[in-house]
Amino acid sequence: MPAVVAILLLVAGLSEAAGRLLPVVARLSGVSHVRVVSLLLAGAIVDGAVFALWPLSAWAVAGLVLPTAPSEALVWTPGLAAPLVLAGILAFPLLGPLLHLLLMVGVGAGLTGALARVAGVGWWEAAGCVAVAGVGLGVSVEAVRRLVVKLNTRRAPETVA
């Protein structure tokens, strides 16, 4: 993976993590800056890794379900990865979740075209593979997010009556 693509994926992961984490942190009282930064960096790494796995997952799904297996792996290029940064920025809930979703669909369409070329299949078959991979990764990372929030939420002390 070229360094430019890795940096783009990390920045996209950071902006996605900030959009998801900062509204939650704003509701918590007494959270230290060190804890917020560490959660933000961990989220950036996780989201960047999920973004990095999307084309590989789509390629793997294509190898499982399509009649002709793709000959070469699908990888991010700077042109395909750059819209992820904008999608991550738009992940802030107040800036428009619908716009974020539409941009992610656009990024998926770019991956679909690349997968269709690599696999030598039609656009709709490739779109199905990209969608299955994206939804699978999205569900997985959301489960991890909920687990992290559950583990990092402080419970109110119980009162003895």
Protein backbone atom coordinates (compact mmCIF):
# COMPACT_ATOMS: atom_id res chain seq x y z
CA MET A 1 0.00 0.00 0.00
CA PRO A 2 1.51 3.35 -0.98
CA ALA A 3 2.24 5.82 1.81
CA VAL A 4 -0.21 8.37 0.37
CA VAL A 5 -3.04 5.84 0.55
CA ALA A 6 -2.10 4.82 4.11
CA ILE A 7 -2.10 8.47 5.20
CA LEU A 8 -5.47 9.08 3.51
CA LEU A 9 -6.95 6.02 5.21
CA LEU A 10 -5.58 7.12 8.60
CA VAL A 11 -6.94 10.66 8.17
CA ALA A 12 -10.30 9.24 7.08
CA GLY A 13 -10.27 6.97 10.13
CA LEU A 14 -9.39 9.90 12.40
CA SER A 15 -12.18 12.07 11.05
CA GLU A 16 -14.67 9.19 11.24
CA ALA A 17 -13.63 8.44 14.83
CA ALA A 18 -13.89 12.11 15.77
CA GLY A 19 -17.35 12.31 14.29
CA ARG A 20 -18.49 9.28 16.22
CA LEU A 21 -16.60 9.83 19.47
CA LEU A 22 -16.76 13.54 20.22
CA PRO A 23 -20.58 13.73 20.60
CA VAL A 24 -20.39 10.84 23.09
CA VAL A 25 -17.51 12.43 25.00
CA ALA A 26 -19.34 15.76 25.15
CA ARG A 27 -22.10 14.09 27.16
CA LEU A 28 -19.71 12.54 29.66
CA SER A 29 -18.54 14.61 32.58
CA GLY A 30 -15.08 14.45 34.05
CA VAL A 31 -13.34 12.76 31.11
CA SER A 32 -9.65 13.62 30.97
CA HIS A 33 -8.07 14.99 27.82
CA VAL A 34 -5.58 12.12 27.80
CA ARG A 35 -8.42 9.59 27.77
CA VAL A 36 -10.22 11.42 24.96
CA VAL A 37 -7.07 11.58 22.84
CA SER A 38 -6.29 7.91 23.45
CA LEU A 39 -9.83 6.88 22.51
CA LEU A 40 -9.66 9.12 19.44
CA LEU A 41 -6.35 7.60 18.29
CA ALA A 42 -7.60 4.07 18.93
CA GLY A 43 -10.76 4.86 16.98
CA ALA A 44 -8.70 6.31 14.13
CA ILE A 45 -6.65 3.13 13.89
CA VAL A 46 -9.73 0.90 13.99
CA ASP A 47 -11.68 2.95 11.44
CA GLY A 48 -8.62 3.26 9.20
CA ALA A 49 -8.17 -0.50 9.35
CA VAL A 50 -11.83 -1.06 8.49
CA PHE A 51 -11.50 1.28 5.52
CA ALA A 52 -8.32 -0.54 4.45
CA LEU A 53 -10.12 -3.90 4.64
CA TRP A 54 -13.12 -2.84 2.54
CA PRO A 55 -11.61 -3.53 -0.93
CA LEU A 56 -9.92 -6.70 0.29
CA SER A 57 -13.20 -7.94 1.78
CA ALA A 58 -15.08 -7.12 -1.42
CA TRP A 59 -12.43 -9.00 -3.40
CA ALA A 60 -12.76 -11.99 -1.06
CA VAL A 61 -16.57 -11.98 -1.36
CA ALA A 62 -16.22 -11.80 -5.14
CA GLY A 63 -13.92 -14.81 -5.05
CA LEU A 64 -16.53 -16.76 -3.10
CA VAL A 65 -19.71 -15.91 -4.99
CA LEU A 66 -18.77 -14.99 -8.55
CA PRO A 67 -18.22 -17.65 -11.21
CA THR A 68 -14.85 -16.18 -12.19
CA ALA A 69 -12.51 -15.40 -9.33
CA PRO A 70 -10.68 -12.07 -9.59
CA SER A 71 -7.13 -12.59 -10.77
CA GLU A 72 -5.56 -9.77 -8.75
CA ALA A 73 -6.46 -8.23 -5.41
CA LEU A 74 -8.45 -5.01 -5.28
CA VAL A 75 -6.48 -2.24 -3.57
CA TRP A 76 -7.02 1.39 -2.67
CA THR A 77 -5.62 4.04 -4.95
CA PRO A 78 -5.31 7.71 -3.95
CA GLY A 79 -8.27 8.55 -6.21
CA LEU A 80 -10.47 5.94 -4.55
CA ALA A 81 -9.35 6.73 -1.00
CA ALA A 82 -9.57 10.55 -1.09
CA PRO A 83 -13.40 10.68 -0.84
CA LEU A 84 -13.17 8.71 2.42
CA VAL A 85 -11.65 11.76 4.10
CA LEU A 86 -14.68 13.83 3.13
CA ALA A 87 -17.00 11.01 4.22
CA GLY A 88 -15.28 10.89 7.59
CA ILE A 89 -15.62 14.63 8.04
CA LEU A 90 -19.31 14.40 7.22
CA ALA A 91 -19.72 11.69 9.86
CA PHE A 92 -20.34 14.42 12.43
CA PRO A 93 -24.01 13.86 13.30
CA LEU A 94 -24.98 17.52 13.02
CA LEU A 95 -23.40 17.91 9.56
CA GLY A 96 -25.62 15.36 7.91
CA PRO A 97 -25.77 11.60 8.30
CA LEU A 98 -27.70 11.32 5.03
CA LEU A 99 -24.95 13.19 3.17
CA HIS A 100 -22.37 10.93 4.85
CA LEU A 101 -24.30 7.86 3.69
CA LEU A 102 -24.57 9.18 0.15
CA LEU A 103 -20.84 9.85 0.02
CA MET A 104 -20.06 6.37 1.33
CA VAL A 105 -22.31 4.98 -1.44
CA GLY A 106 -20.27 7.06 -3.89
CA VAL A 107 -17.02 5.63 -2.50
CA GLY A 108 -18.56 2.17 -2.79
CA ALA A 109 -19.47 2.89 -6.42
CA GLY A 110 -15.84 3.76 -7.09
CA LEU A 111 -14.77 0.46 -5.53
CA THR A 112 -17.45 -1.31 -7.55
CA GLY A 113 -16.01 -0.03 -10.81
CA ALA A 114 -12.52 -1.09 -9.78
CA LEU A 115 -13.73 -4.55 -8.69
CA ALA A 116 -15.69 -5.01 -11.92
CA ARG A 117 -12.52 -4.28 -13.92
CA VAL A 118 -10.33 -6.57 -11.77
CA ALA A 119 -12.85 -9.45 -11.67
CA GLY A 120 -14.08 -9.09 -15.23
CA VAL A 121 -17.73 -9.15 -14.16
CA GLY A 122 -20.69 -6.84 -14.50
CA TRP A 123 -21.16 -3.72 -12.41
CA TRP A 124 -24.15 -5.07 -10.47
CA GLU A 125 -22.38 -8.26 -9.43
CA ALA A 126 -19.41 -6.22 -8.24
CA ALA A 127 -21.77 -3.79 -6.46
CA GLY A 128 -23.29 -6.69 -4.54
CA CYS A 129 -19.86 -7.85 -3.40
CA VAL A 130 -18.83 -4.33 -2.33
CA ALA A 131 -22.14 -3.84 -0.51
CA VAL A 132 -21.92 -7.16 1.35
CA ALA A 133 -18.34 -6.40 2.37
CA GLY A 134 -19.20 -2.84 3.44
CA VAL A 135 -22.23 -3.87 5.48
CA GLY A 136 -20.32 -6.73 7.10
CA LEU A 137 -17.45 -4.46 8.10
CA GLY A 138 -19.87 -1.74 9.24
CA VAL A 139 -21.79 -4.12 11.48
CA SER A 140 -18.54 -5.49 12.91
CA VAL A 141 -17.08 -2.08 13.74
CA GLU A 142 -20.38 -0.89 15.22
CA ALA A 143 -20.38 -3.91 17.53
CA VAL A 144 -16.83 -3.04 18.62
CA ARG A 145 -17.84 0.62 19.17
CA ARG A 146 -20.78 -0.38 21.36
CA LEU A 147 -18.58 -2.72 23.37
CA VAL A 148 -15.97 0.00 23.91
CA VAL A 149 -18.65 2.50 24.98
CA LYS A 150 -20.14 -0.06 27.35
CA LEU A 151 -16.73 -0.79 28.87
CA ASN A 152 -15.84 2.90 29.21
CA THR A 153 -19.10 4.14 30.69
CA ARG A 154 -18.98 4.80 34.37
CA ARG A 155 -21.88 3.58 36.41
CA ALA A 156 -23.45 5.78 39.01
CA PRO A 157 -22.66 4.61 42.53
CA GLU A 158 -25.45 2.70 44.16
CA THR A 159 -27.07 4.28 47.17
CA VAL A 160 -27.65 2.25 50.27
CA ALA A 161 -31.15 2.72 51.62
